Amino acid sequence: MNESVKTSLLRDAKLRLRLHITSFDEEISDLIDAAVADLLNRNAIQESQLTDPMDPLIKRAIMTYVRAFFGTPEDPERLKADYDEQKVTLMMTSGYTDWEA
């Protein structure tokens, strides 16, 4: 994933987390990387799809992962379940998954 995509995802994650400071940028970036790695490892997305602008379903899954694992969310179990559901949807939808892998 190139730097402009990472920067865009970081900006969007901070917006969703209602953060306007840079103190947590490294932690948020690590969560973004973890979400992307999980989606790639589960063959839910392909590396070629990590572009800017990003597909809204992929972006939503990444943002849900960040919200689920950053700080102390109000309902972490619901967010984790939402992320897992979004990941499965990506895994089951043609165009996201490399079915031959």
PDB file of N, CA and C in Angstrom:
ATOM      1  N   MET A   1       0.864  -1.167   0.000  1.00  0.00           N
ATOM      2  CA  MET A   1       0.000   0.000   0.000  1.00  0.00           C
ATOM      3  C   MET A   1       0.909   1.229   0.000  1.00  0.00           C
ATOM      4  N   ASN A   2       0.651   2.149  -0.913  1.00  0.00           N
ATOM      5  CA  ASN A   2       1.531   3.321  -1.001  1.00  0.00           C
ATOM      6  C   ASN A   2       1.204   4.358   0.076  1.00  0.00           C
ATOM      7  N   GLU A   3       2.099   5.310   0.222  1.00  0.00           N
ATOM      8  CA  GLU A   3       1.993   6.303   1.295  1.00  0.00           C
ATOM      9  C   GLU A   3       0.758   7.196   1.168  1.00  0.00           C
ATOM     10  N   SER A   4       0.365   7.540  -0.051  1.00  0.00           N
ATOM     11  CA  SER A   4      -0.811   8.406  -0.186  1.00  0.00           C
ATOM     12  C   SER A   4      -2.077   7.686   0.271  1.00  0.00           C
ATOM     13  N   VAL A   5      -2.158   6.384   0.030  1.00  0.00           N
ATOM     14  CA  VAL A   5      -3.310   5.605   0.491  1.00  0.00           C
ATOM     15  C   VAL A   5      -3.288   5.525   2.011  1.00  0.00           C
ATOM     16  N   LYS A   6      -2.109   5.269   2.592  1.00  0.00           N
ATOM     17  CA  LYS A   6      -1.998   5.203   4.051  1.00  0.00           C
ATOM     18  C   LYS A   6      -2.375   6.538   4.693  1.00  0.00           C
ATOM     19  N   THR A   7      -1.916   7.638   4.093  1.00  0.00           N
ATOM     20  CA  THR A   7      -2.229   8.966   4.614  1.00  0.00           C
ATOM     21  C   THR A   7      -3.730   9.230   4.545  1.00  0.00           C
ATOM     22  N   SER A   8      -4.348   8.849   3.446  1.00  0.00           N
ATOM     23  CA  SER A   8      -5.788   9.037   3.279  1.00  0.00           C
ATOM     24  C   SER A   8      -6.568   8.215   4.301  1.00  0.00           C
ATOM     25  N   LEU A   9      -6.158   6.968   4.507  1.00  0.00           N
ATOM     26  CA  LEU A   9      -6.842   6.122   5.485  1.00  0.00           C
ATOM     27  C   LEU A   9      -6.653   6.653   6.904  1.00  0.00           C
ATOM     28  N   LEU A  10      -5.464   7.146   7.215  1.00  0.00           N
ATOM     29  CA  LEU A  10      -5.214   7.724   8.537  1.00  0.00           C
ATOM     30  C   LEU A  10      -6.108   8.934   8.766  1.00  0.00           C
ATOM     31  N   ARG A  11      -6.203   9.799   7.773  1.00  0.00           N
ATOM     32  CA  ARG A  11      -7.054  10.986   7.876  1.00  0.00           C
ATOM     33  C   ARG A  11      -8.514  10.583   8.097  1.00  0.00           C
ATOM     34  N   ASP A  12      -8.988   9.604   7.336  1.00  0.00           N
ATOM     35  CA  ASP A  12     -10.375   9.156   7.467  1.00  0.00           C
ATOM     36  C   ASP A  12     -10.626   8.477   8.815  1.00  0.00           C
ATOM     37  N   ALA A  13      -9.662   7.706   9.287  1.00  0.00           N
ATOM     38  CA  ALA A  13      -9.826   7.041  10.581  1.00  0.00           C
ATOM     39  C   ALA A  13      -9.893   8.072  11.703  1.00  0.00           C
ATOM     40  N   LYS A  14      -9.028   9.075  11.655  1.00  0.00           N
ATOM     41  CA  LYS A  14      -9.048  10.114  12.683  1.00  0.00           C
ATOM     42  C   LYS A  14     -10.370  10.873  12.667  1.00  0.00           C
ATOM     43  N   LEU A  15     -10.920  11.094  11.499  1.00  0.00           N
ATOM     44  CA  LEU A  15     -12.214  11.751  11.383  1.00  0.00           C
ATOM     45  C   LEU A  15     -13.297  10.912  12.063  1.00  0.00           C
ATOM     46  N   ARG A  16     -13.304   9.620  11.792  1.00  0.00           N
ATOM     47  CA  ARG A  16     -14.313   8.733  12.384  1.00  0.00           C
ATOM     48  C   ARG A  16     -14.134   8.577  13.894  1.00  0.00           C
ATOM     49  N   LEU A  17     -12.890   8.705  14.361  1.00  0.00           N
ATOM     50  CA  LEU A  17     -12.612   8.617  15.794  1.00  0.00           C
ATOM     51  C   LEU A  17     -12.750   9.964  16.492  1.00  0.00           C
ATOM     52  N   ARG A  18     -13.047  10.998  15.715  1.00  0.00           N
ATOM     53  CA  ARG A  18     -13.200  12.364  16.238  1.00  0.00           C
ATOM     54  C   ARG A  18     -11.913  12.873  16.881  1.00  0.00           C
ATOM     55  N   LEU A  19     -10.775  12.573  16.246  1.00  0.00           N
ATOM     56  CA  LEU A  19      -9.473  13.012  16.748  1.00  0.00           C
ATOM     57  C   LEU A  19      -8.907  14.106  15.853  1.00  0.00           C
ATOM     58  N   HIS A  20      -8.341  15.121  16.486  1.00  0.00           N
ATOM     59  CA  HIS A  20      -7.734  16.217  15.728  1.00  0.00           C
ATOM     60  C   HIS A  20      -6.284  16.438  16.143  1.00  0.00           C
ATOM     61  N   ILE A  21      -5.728  15.466  16.854  1.00  0.00           N
ATOM     62  CA  ILE A  21      -4.345  15.563  17.300  1.00  0.00           C
ATOM     63  C   ILE A  21      -3.535  14.449  16.644  1.00  0.00           C
ATOM     64  N   THR A  22      -2.221  14.560  16.699  1.00  0.00           N
ATOM     65  CA  THR A  22      -1.359  13.566  16.057  1.00  0.00           C
ATOM     66  C   THR A  22      -0.788  12.552  17.042  1.00  0.00           C
ATOM     67  N   SER A  23      -1.101  12.691  18.310  1.00  0.00           N
ATOM     68  CA  SER A  23      -0.524  11.831  19.347  1.00  0.00           C
ATOM     69  C   SER A  23      -0.776  10.340  19.105  1.00  0.00           C
ATOM     70  N   PHE A  24      -1.888  10.000  18.481  1.00  0.00           N
ATOM     71  CA  PHE A  24      -2.250   8.599  18.298  1.00  0.00           C
ATOM     72  C   PHE A  24      -2.039   8.113  16.866  1.00  0.00           C
ATOM     73  N   ASP A  25      -1.404   8.914  16.027  1.00  0.00           N
ATOM     74  CA  ASP A  25      -1.249   8.550  14.613  1.00  0.00           C
ATOM     75  C   ASP A  25      -0.551   7.203  14.419  1.00  0.00           C
ATOM     76  N   GLU A  26       0.484   6.938  15.189  1.00  0.00           N
ATOM     77  CA  GLU A  26       1.211   5.674  15.026  1.00  0.00           C
ATOM     78  C   GLU A  26       0.335   4.476  15.399  1.00  0.00           C
ATOM     79  N   GLU A  27      -0.406   4.605  16.490  1.00  0.00           N
ATOM     80  CA  GLU A  27      -1.299   3.522  16.904  1.00  0.00           C
ATOM     81  C   GLU A  27      -2.392   3.289  15.864  1.00  0.00           C
ATOM     82  N   ILE A  28      -2.968   4.359  15.357  1.00  0.00           N
ATOM     83  CA  ILE A  28      -4.023   4.233  14.340  1.00  0.00           C
ATOM     84  C   ILE A  28      -3.450   3.633  13.059  1.00  0.00           C
ATOM     85  N   SER A  29      -2.258   4.064  12.663  1.00  0.00           N
ATOM     86  CA  SER A  29      -1.612   3.505  11.473  1.00  0.00           C
ATOM     87  C   SER A  29      -1.354   2.011  11.637  1.00  0.00           C
ATOM     88  N   ASP A  30      -0.941   1.599  12.837  1.00  0.00           N
ATOM     89  CA  ASP A  30      -0.732   0.171  13.099  1.00  0.00           C
ATOM     90  C   ASP A  30      -2.040  -0.613  12.970  1.00  0.00           C
ATOM     91  N   LEU A  31      -3.137  -0.034  13.442  1.00  0.00           N
ATOM     92  CA  LEU A  31      -4.438  -0.699  13.318  1.00  0.00           C
ATOM     93  C   LEU A  31      -4.873  -0.797  11.857  1.00  0.00           C
ATOM     94  N   ILE A  32      -4.620   0.249  11.099  1.00  0.00           N
ATOM     95  CA  ILE A  32      -4.934   0.213   9.663  1.00  0.00           C
ATOM     96  C   ILE A  32      -4.140  -0.896   8.990  1.00  0.00           C
ATOM     97  N   ASP A  33      -2.842  -0.961   9.303  1.00  0.00           N
ATOM     98  CA  ASP A  33      -1.994  -2.014   8.732  1.00  0.00           C
ATOM     99  C   ASP A  33      -2.497  -3.402   9.128  1.00  0.00           C
ATOM    100  N   ALA A  34      -2.928  -3.555  10.380  1.00  0.00           N
ATOM    101  CA  ALA A  34      -3.447  -4.847  10.845  1.00  0.00           C
ATOM    102  C   ALA A  34      -4.728  -5.227  10.105  1.00  0.00           C
ATOM    103  N   ALA A  35      -5.601  -4.255   9.908  1.00  0.00           N
ATOM    104  CA  ALA A  35      -6.846  -4.524   9.185  1.00  0.00           C
ATOM    105  C   ALA A  35      -6.561  -4.947   7.749  1.00  0.00           C
ATOM    106  N   VAL A  36      -5.678  -4.217   7.095  1.00  0.00           N
ATOM    107  CA  VAL A  36      -5.324  -4.547   5.711  1.00  0.00           C
ATOM    108  C   VAL A  36      -4.696  -5.933   5.652  1.00  0.00           C
ATOM    109  N   ALA A  37      -3.779  -6.223   6.570  1.00  0.00           N
ATOM    110  CA  ALA A  37      -3.135  -7.538   6.593  1.00  0.00           C
ATOM    111  C   ALA A  37      -4.161  -8.644   6.796  1.00  0.00           C
ATOM    112  N   ASP A  38      -5.107  -8.433   7.699  1.00  0.00           N
ATOM    113  CA  ASP A  38      -6.143  -9.432   7.942  1.00  0.00           C
ATOM    114  C   ASP A  38      -6.984  -9.661   6.697  1.00  0.00           C
ATOM    115  N   LEU A  39      -7.391  -8.589   6.043  1.00  0.00           N
ATOM    116  CA  LEU A  39      -8.198  -8.723   4.821  1.00  0.00           C
ATOM    117  C   LEU A  39      -7.422  -9.425   3.709  1.00  0.00           C
ATOM    118  N   LEU A  40      -6.140  -9.097   3.577  1.00  0.00           N
ATOM    119  CA  LEU A  40      -5.310  -9.754   2.565  1.00  0.00           C
ATOM    120  C   LEU A  40      -5.069 -11.225   2.914  1.00  0.00           C
ATOM    121  N   ASN A  41      -4.762 -11.500   4.171  1.00  0.00           N
ATOM    122  CA  ASN A  41      -4.477 -12.877   4.591  1.00  0.00           C
ATOM    123  C   ASN A  41      -5.694 -13.783   4.476  1.00  0.00           C
ATOM    124  N   ARG A  42      -6.864 -13.229   4.661  1.00  0.00           N
ATOM    125  CA  ARG A  42      -8.104 -14.001   4.547  1.00  0.00           C
ATOM    126  C   ARG A  42      -8.612 -14.040   3.106  1.00  0.00           C
ATOM    127  N   ASN A  43      -7.837 -13.436   2.208  1.00  0.00           N
ATOM    128  CA  ASN A  43      -8.197 -13.388   0.790  1.00  0.00           C
ATOM    129  C   ASN A  43      -9.535 -12.690   0.573  1.00  0.00           C
ATOM    130  N   ALA A  44      -9.808 -11.691   1.423  1.00  0.00           N
ATOM    131  CA  ALA A  44     -11.039 -10.912   1.279  1.00  0.00           C
ATOM    132  C   ALA A  44     -10.866  -9.803   0.255  1.00  0.00           C
ATOM    133  N   ILE A  45      -9.628  -9.343   0.088  1.00  0.00           N
ATOM    134  CA  ILE A  45      -9.308  -8.316  -0.904  1.00  0.00           C
ATOM    135  C   ILE A  45      -7.984  -8.684  -1.566  1.00  0.00           C
ATOM    136  N   GLN A  46      -7.674  -7.939  -2.624  1.00  0.00           N
ATOM    137  CA  GLN A  46      -6.411  -8.108  -3.317  1.00  0.00           C
ATOM    138  C   GLN A  46      -5.571  -6.845  -3.144  1.00  0.00           C
ATOM    139  N   GLU A  47      -4.273  -7.015  -3.148  1.00  0.00           N
ATOM    140  CA  GLU A  47      -3.345  -5.887  -2.983  1.00  0.00           C
ATOM    141  C   GLU A  47      -3.644  -4.780  -3.999  1.00  0.00           C
ATOM    142  N   SER A  48      -4.029  -5.140  -5.203  1.00  0.00           N
ATOM    143  CA  SER A  48      -4.300  -4.164  -6.256  1.00  0.00           C
ATOM    144  C   SER A  48      -5.495  -3.266  -5.949  1.00  0.00           C
ATOM    145  N   GLN A  49      -6.304  -3.637  -4.958  1.00  0.00           N
ATOM    146  CA  GLN A  49      -7.478  -2.843  -4.608  1.00  0.00           C
ATOM    147  C   GLN A  49      -7.166  -1.760  -3.577  1.00  0.00           C
ATOM    148  N   LEU A  50      -5.943  -1.711  -3.104  1.00  0.00           N
ATOM    149  CA  LEU A  50      -5.553  -0.721  -2.097  1.00  0.00           C
ATOM    150  C   LEU A  50      -5.081   0.544  -2.795  1.00  0.00           C
ATOM    151  N   THR A  51      -6.044   1.231  -3.393  1.00  0.00           N
ATOM    152  CA  THR A  51      -5.775   2.439  -4.165  1.00  0.00           C
ATOM    153  C   THR A  51      -6.559   3.607  -3.591  1.00  0.00           C
ATOM    154  N   ASP A  52      -6.241   4.794  -4.059  1.00  0.00           N
ATOM    155  CA  ASP A  52      -6.960   5.992  -3.653  1.00  0.00           C
ATOM    156  C   ASP A  52      -7.603   6.571  -4.906  1.00  0.00           C
ATOM    157  N   PRO A  53      -8.895   6.726  -5.006  1.00  0.00           N
ATOM    158  CA  PRO A  53      -9.880   6.459  -3.958  1.00  0.00           C
ATOM    159  C   PRO A  53     -10.090   4.960  -3.778  1.00  0.00           C
ATOM    160  N   MET A  54     -10.387   4.586  -2.541  1.00  0.00           N
ATOM    161  CA  MET A  54     -10.561   3.181  -2.200  1.00  0.00           C
ATOM    162  C   MET A  54     -12.025   2.787  -2.315  1.00  0.00           C
ATOM    163  N   ASP A  55     -12.221   1.533  -2.692  1.00  0.00           N
ATOM    164  CA  ASP A  55     -13.570   0.984  -2.750  1.00  0.00           C
ATOM    165  C   ASP A  55     -14.246   1.212  -1.401  1.00  0.00           C
ATOM    166  N   PRO A  56     -15.471   1.709  -1.399  1.00  0.00           N
ATOM    167  CA  PRO A  56     -16.131   2.047  -0.133  1.00  0.00           C
ATOM    168  C   PRO A  56     -16.356   0.853   0.804  1.00  0.00           C
ATOM    169  N   LEU A  57     -16.551  -0.339   0.264  1.00  0.00           N
ATOM    170  CA  LEU A  57     -16.747  -1.503   1.133  1.00  0.00           C
ATOM    171  C   LEU A  57     -15.448  -1.898   1.833  1.00  0.00           C
ATOM    172  N   ILE A  58     -14.346  -1.804   1.126  1.00  0.00           N
ATOM    173  CA  ILE A  58     -13.046  -2.107   1.731  1.00  0.00           C
ATOM    174  C   ILE A  58     -12.709  -1.059   2.781  1.00  0.00           C
ATOM    175  N   LYS A  59     -12.920   0.189   2.435  1.00  0.00           N
ATOM    176  CA  LYS A  59     -12.638   1.276   3.369  1.00  0.00           C
ATOM    177  C   LYS A  59     -13.490   1.141   4.629  1.00  0.00           C
ATOM    178  N   ARG A  60     -14.740   0.808   4.461  1.00  0.00           N
ATOM    179  CA  ARG A  60     -15.626   0.658   5.621  1.00  0.00           C
ATOM    180  C   ARG A  60     -15.140  -0.457   6.534  1.00  0.00           C
ATOM    181  N   ALA A  61     -14.696  -1.566   5.974  1.00  0.00           N
ATOM    182  CA  ALA A  61     -14.191  -2.675   6.793  1.00  0.00           C
ATOM    183  C   ALA A  61     -12.959  -2.230   7.581  1.00  0.00           C
ATOM    184  N   ILE A  62     -12.052  -1.523   6.932  1.00  0.00           N
ATOM    185  CA  ILE A  62     -10.847  -1.043   7.609  1.00  0.00           C
ATOM    186  C   ILE A  62     -11.214  -0.074   8.728  1.00  0.00           C
ATOM    187  N   MET A  63     -12.118   0.845   8.460  1.00  0.00           N
ATOM    188  CA  MET A  63     -12.518   1.821   9.475  1.00  0.00           C
ATOM    189  C   MET A  63     -13.230   1.139  10.653  1.00  0.00           C
ATOM    190  N   THR A  64     -14.034   0.125  10.367  1.00  0.00           N
ATOM    191  CA  THR A  64     -14.711  -0.603  11.447  1.00  0.00           C
ATOM    192  C   THR A  64     -13.688  -1.310  12.327  1.00  0.00           C
ATOM    193  N   TYR A  65     -12.668  -1.900  11.715  1.00  0.00           N
ATOM    194  CA  TYR A  65     -11.603  -2.553  12.474  1.00  0.00           C
ATOM    195  C   TYR A  65     -10.910  -1.549  13.385  1.00  0.00           C
ATOM    196  N   VAL A  66     -10.573  -0.392  12.837  1.00  0.00           N
ATOM    197  CA  VAL A  66      -9.900   0.639  13.635  1.00  0.00           C
ATOM    198  C   VAL A  66     -10.782   1.052  14.811  1.00  0.00           C
ATOM    199  N   ARG A  67     -12.042   1.307  14.553  1.00  0.00           N
ATOM    200  CA  ARG A  67     -12.960   1.713  15.633  1.00  0.00           C
ATOM    201  C   ARG A  67     -13.100   0.623  16.688  1.00  0.00           C
ATOM    202  N   ALA A  68     -13.060  -0.643  16.283  1.00  0.00           N
ATOM    203  CA  ALA A  68     -13.231  -1.750  17.221  1.00  0.00           C
ATOM    204  C   ALA A  68     -12.042  -1.905  18.159  1.00  0.00           C
ATOM    205  N   PHE A  69     -10.848  -1.571  17.669  1.00  0.00           N
ATOM    206  CA  PHE A  69      -9.648  -1.855  18.445  1.00  0.00           C
ATOM    207  C   PHE A  69      -8.914  -0.622  18.971  1.00  0.00           C
ATOM    208  N   PHE A  70      -9.410   0.565  18.664  1.00  0.00           N
ATOM    209  CA  PHE A  70      -8.762   1.780  19.154  1.00  0.00           C
ATOM    210  C   PHE A  70      -9.386   2.201  20.476  1.00  0.00           C
ATOM    211  N   GLY A  71      -8.545   2.412  21.468  1.00  0.00           N
ATOM    212  CA  GLY A  71      -9.023   2.914  22.748  1.00  0.00           C
ATOM    213  C   GLY A  71     -10.010   1.972  23.407  1.00  0.00           C
ATOM    214  N   THR A  72     -11.050   2.554  23.955  1.00  0.00           N
ATOM    215  CA  THR A  72     -12.094   1.796  24.646  1.00  0.00           C
ATOM    216  C   THR A  72     -13.438   2.148  24.018  1.00  0.00           C
ATOM    217  N   PRO A  73     -13.786   1.468  22.918  1.00  0.00           N
ATOM    218  CA  PRO A  73     -15.066   1.791  22.259  1.00  0.00           C
ATOM    219  C   PRO A  73     -16.243   1.400  23.139  1.00  0.00           C
ATOM    220  N   GLU A  74     -17.368   2.050  22.889  1.00  0.00           N
ATOM    221  CA  GLU A  74     -18.583   1.779  23.673  1.00  0.00           C
ATOM    222  C   GLU A  74     -19.062   0.340  23.533  1.00  0.00           C
ATOM    223  N   ASP A  75     -19.007  -0.210  22.336  1.00  0.00           N
ATOM    224  CA  ASP A  75     -19.532  -1.552  22.090  1.00  0.00           C
ATOM    225  C   ASP A  75     -18.547  -2.351  21.228  1.00  0.00           C
ATOM    226  N   PRO A  76     -17.413  -2.746  21.800  1.00  0.00           N
ATOM    227  CA  PRO A  76     -16.381  -3.408  20.993  1.00  0.00           C
ATOM    228  C   PRO A  76     -16.837  -4.733  20.385  1.00  0.00           C
ATOM    229  N   GLU A  77     -17.653  -5.486  21.096  1.00  0.00           N
ATOM    230  CA  GLU A  77     -18.112  -6.774  20.559  1.00  0.00           C
ATOM    231  C   GLU A  77     -18.961  -6.586  19.308  1.00  0.00           C
ATOM    232  N   ARG A  78     -19.830  -5.581  19.321  1.00  0.00           N
ATOM    233  CA  ARG A  78     -20.655  -5.300  18.145  1.00  0.00           C
ATOM    234  C   ARG A  78     -19.778  -4.859  16.976  1.00  0.00           C
ATOM    235  N   LEU A  79     -18.790  -4.010  17.255  1.00  0.00           N
ATOM    236  CA  LEU A  79     -17.893  -3.544  16.197  1.00  0.00           C
ATOM    237  C   LEU A  79     -17.071  -4.700  15.623  1.00  0.00           C
ATOM    238  N   LYS A  80     -16.589  -5.595  16.470  1.00  0.00           N
ATOM    239  CA  LYS A  80     -15.833  -6.757  15.989  1.00  0.00           C
ATOM    240  C   LYS A  80     -16.723  -7.649  15.131  1.00  0.00           C
ATOM    241  N   ALA A  81     -17.958  -7.846  15.565  1.00  0.00           N
ATOM    242  CA  ALA A  81     -18.897  -8.650  14.785  1.00  0.00           C
ATOM    243  C   ALA A  81     -19.207  -7.974  13.450  1.00  0.00           C
ATOM    244  N   ASP A  82     -19.362  -6.658  13.459  1.00  0.00           N
ATOM    245  CA  ASP A  82     -19.602  -5.913  12.219  1.00  0.00           C
ATOM    246  C   ASP A  82     -18.425  -6.085  11.259  1.00  0.00           C
ATOM    247  N   TYR A  83     -17.207  -5.965  11.790  1.00  0.00           N
ATOM    248  CA  TYR A  83     -16.011  -6.137  10.947  1.00  0.00           C
ATOM    249  C   TYR A  83     -15.980  -7.542  10.356  1.00  0.00           C
ATOM    250  N   ASP A  84     -16.214  -8.555  11.182  1.00  0.00           N
ATOM    251  CA  ASP A  84     -16.192  -9.938  10.687  1.00  0.00           C
ATOM    252  C   ASP A  84     -17.239 -10.153   9.601  1.00  0.00           C
ATOM    253  N   GLU A  85     -18.414  -9.557   9.767  1.00  0.00           N
ATOM    254  CA  GLU A  85     -19.461  -9.670   8.755  1.00  0.00           C
ATOM    255  C   GLU A  85     -19.043  -8.981   7.453  1.00  0.00           C
ATOM    256  N   GLN A  86     -18.439  -7.809   7.572  1.00  0.00           N
ATOM    257  CA  GLN A  86     -17.975  -7.089   6.384  1.00  0.00           C
ATOM    258  C   GLN A  86     -16.875  -7.875   5.674  1.00  0.00           C
ATOM    259  N   LYS A  87     -15.985  -8.495   6.447  1.00  0.00           N
ATOM    260  CA  LYS A  87     -14.906  -9.292   5.863  1.00  0.00           C
ATOM    261  C   LYS A  87     -15.477 -10.490   5.112  1.00  0.00           C
ATOM    262  N   VAL A  88     -16.441 -11.176   5.717  1.00  0.00           N
ATOM    263  CA  VAL A  88     -17.058 -12.328   5.059  1.00  0.00           C
ATOM    264  C   VAL A  88     -17.768 -11.896   3.783  1.00  0.00           C
ATOM    265  N   THR A  89     -18.433 -10.766   3.822  1.00  0.00           N
ATOM    266  CA  THR A  89     -19.103 -10.257   2.622  1.00  0.00           C
ATOM    267  C   THR A  89     -18.090 -10.035   1.504  1.00  0.00           C
ATOM    268  N   LEU A  90     -16.956  -9.429   1.827  1.00  0.00           N
ATOM    269  CA  LEU A  90     -15.909  -9.224   0.823  1.00  0.00           C
ATOM    270  C   LEU A  90     -15.378 -10.565   0.311  1.00  0.00           C
ATOM    271  N   MET A  91     -15.217 -11.520   1.213  1.00  0.00           N
ATOM    272  CA  MET A  91     -14.694 -12.834   0.831  1.00  0.00           C
ATOM    273  C   MET A  91     -15.645 -13.573  -0.111  1.00  0.00           C
ATOM    274  N   MET A  92     -16.938 -13.316   0.024  1.00  0.00           N
ATOM    275  CA  MET A  92     -17.940 -14.045  -0.745  1.00  0.00           C
ATOM    276  C   MET A  92     -18.364 -13.322  -2.030  1.00  0.00           C
ATOM    277  N   THR A  93     -17.844 -12.126  -2.251  1.00  0.00           N
ATOM    278  CA  THR A  93     -18.260 -11.327  -3.388  1.00  0.00           C
ATOM    279  C   THR A  93     -17.204 -11.345  -4.479  1.00  0.00           C
ATOM    280  N   SER A  94     -17.614 -11.728  -5.667  1.00  0.00           N
ATOM    281  CA  SER A  94     -16.644 -11.731  -6.762  1.00  0.00           C
ATOM    282  C   SER A  94     -16.218 -10.305  -7.050  1.00  0.00           C
ATOM    283  N   GLY A  95     -15.002 -10.169  -7.496  1.00  0.00           N
ATOM    284  CA  GLY A  95     -14.455  -8.846  -7.761  1.00  0.00           C
ATOM    285  C   GLY A  95     -13.560  -8.366  -6.632  1.00  0.00           C
ATOM    286  N   TYR A  96     -13.721  -8.914  -5.449  1.00  0.00           N
ATOM    287  CA  TYR A  96     -12.858  -8.563  -4.316  1.00  0.00           C
ATOM    288  C   TYR A  96     -11.826  -9.653  -4.077  1.00  0.00           C
ATOM    289  N   THR A  97     -12.259 -10.886  -4.219  1.00  0.00           N
ATOM    290  CA  THR A  97     -11.426 -12.025  -3.894  1.00  0.00           C
ATOM    291  C   THR A  97     -10.766 -12.590  -5.140  1.00  0.00           C
ATOM    292  N   ASP A  98      -9.543 -13.030  -4.974  1.00  0.00           N
ATOM    293  CA  ASP A  98      -8.850 -13.756  -6.032  1.00  0.00           C
ATOM    294  C   ASP A  98      -9.212 -15.219  -5.851  1.00  0.00           C
ATOM    295  N   TRP A  99     -10.209 -15.670  -6.559  1.00  0.00           N
ATOM    296  CA  TRP A  99     -10.749 -17.006  -6.357  1.00  0.00           C
ATOM    297  C   TRP A  99      -9.747 -18.107  -6.668  1.00  0.00           C
ATOM    298  N   GLU A 100      -8.702 -17.786  -7.391  1.00  0.00           N
ATOM    299  CA  GLU A 100      -7.730 -18.814  -7.755  1.00  0.00           C
ATOM    300  C   GLU A 100      -6.615 -18.935  -6.742  1.00  0.00           C
ATOM    301  N   ALA A 101      -6.579 -18.054  -5.753  1.00  0.00           N
ATOM    302  CA  ALA A 101      -5.492 -18.107  -4.758  1.00  0.00           C
ATOM    303  C   ALA A 101      -5.749 -19.188  -3.744  1.00  0.00           C
TER     304      ALA A 101
END
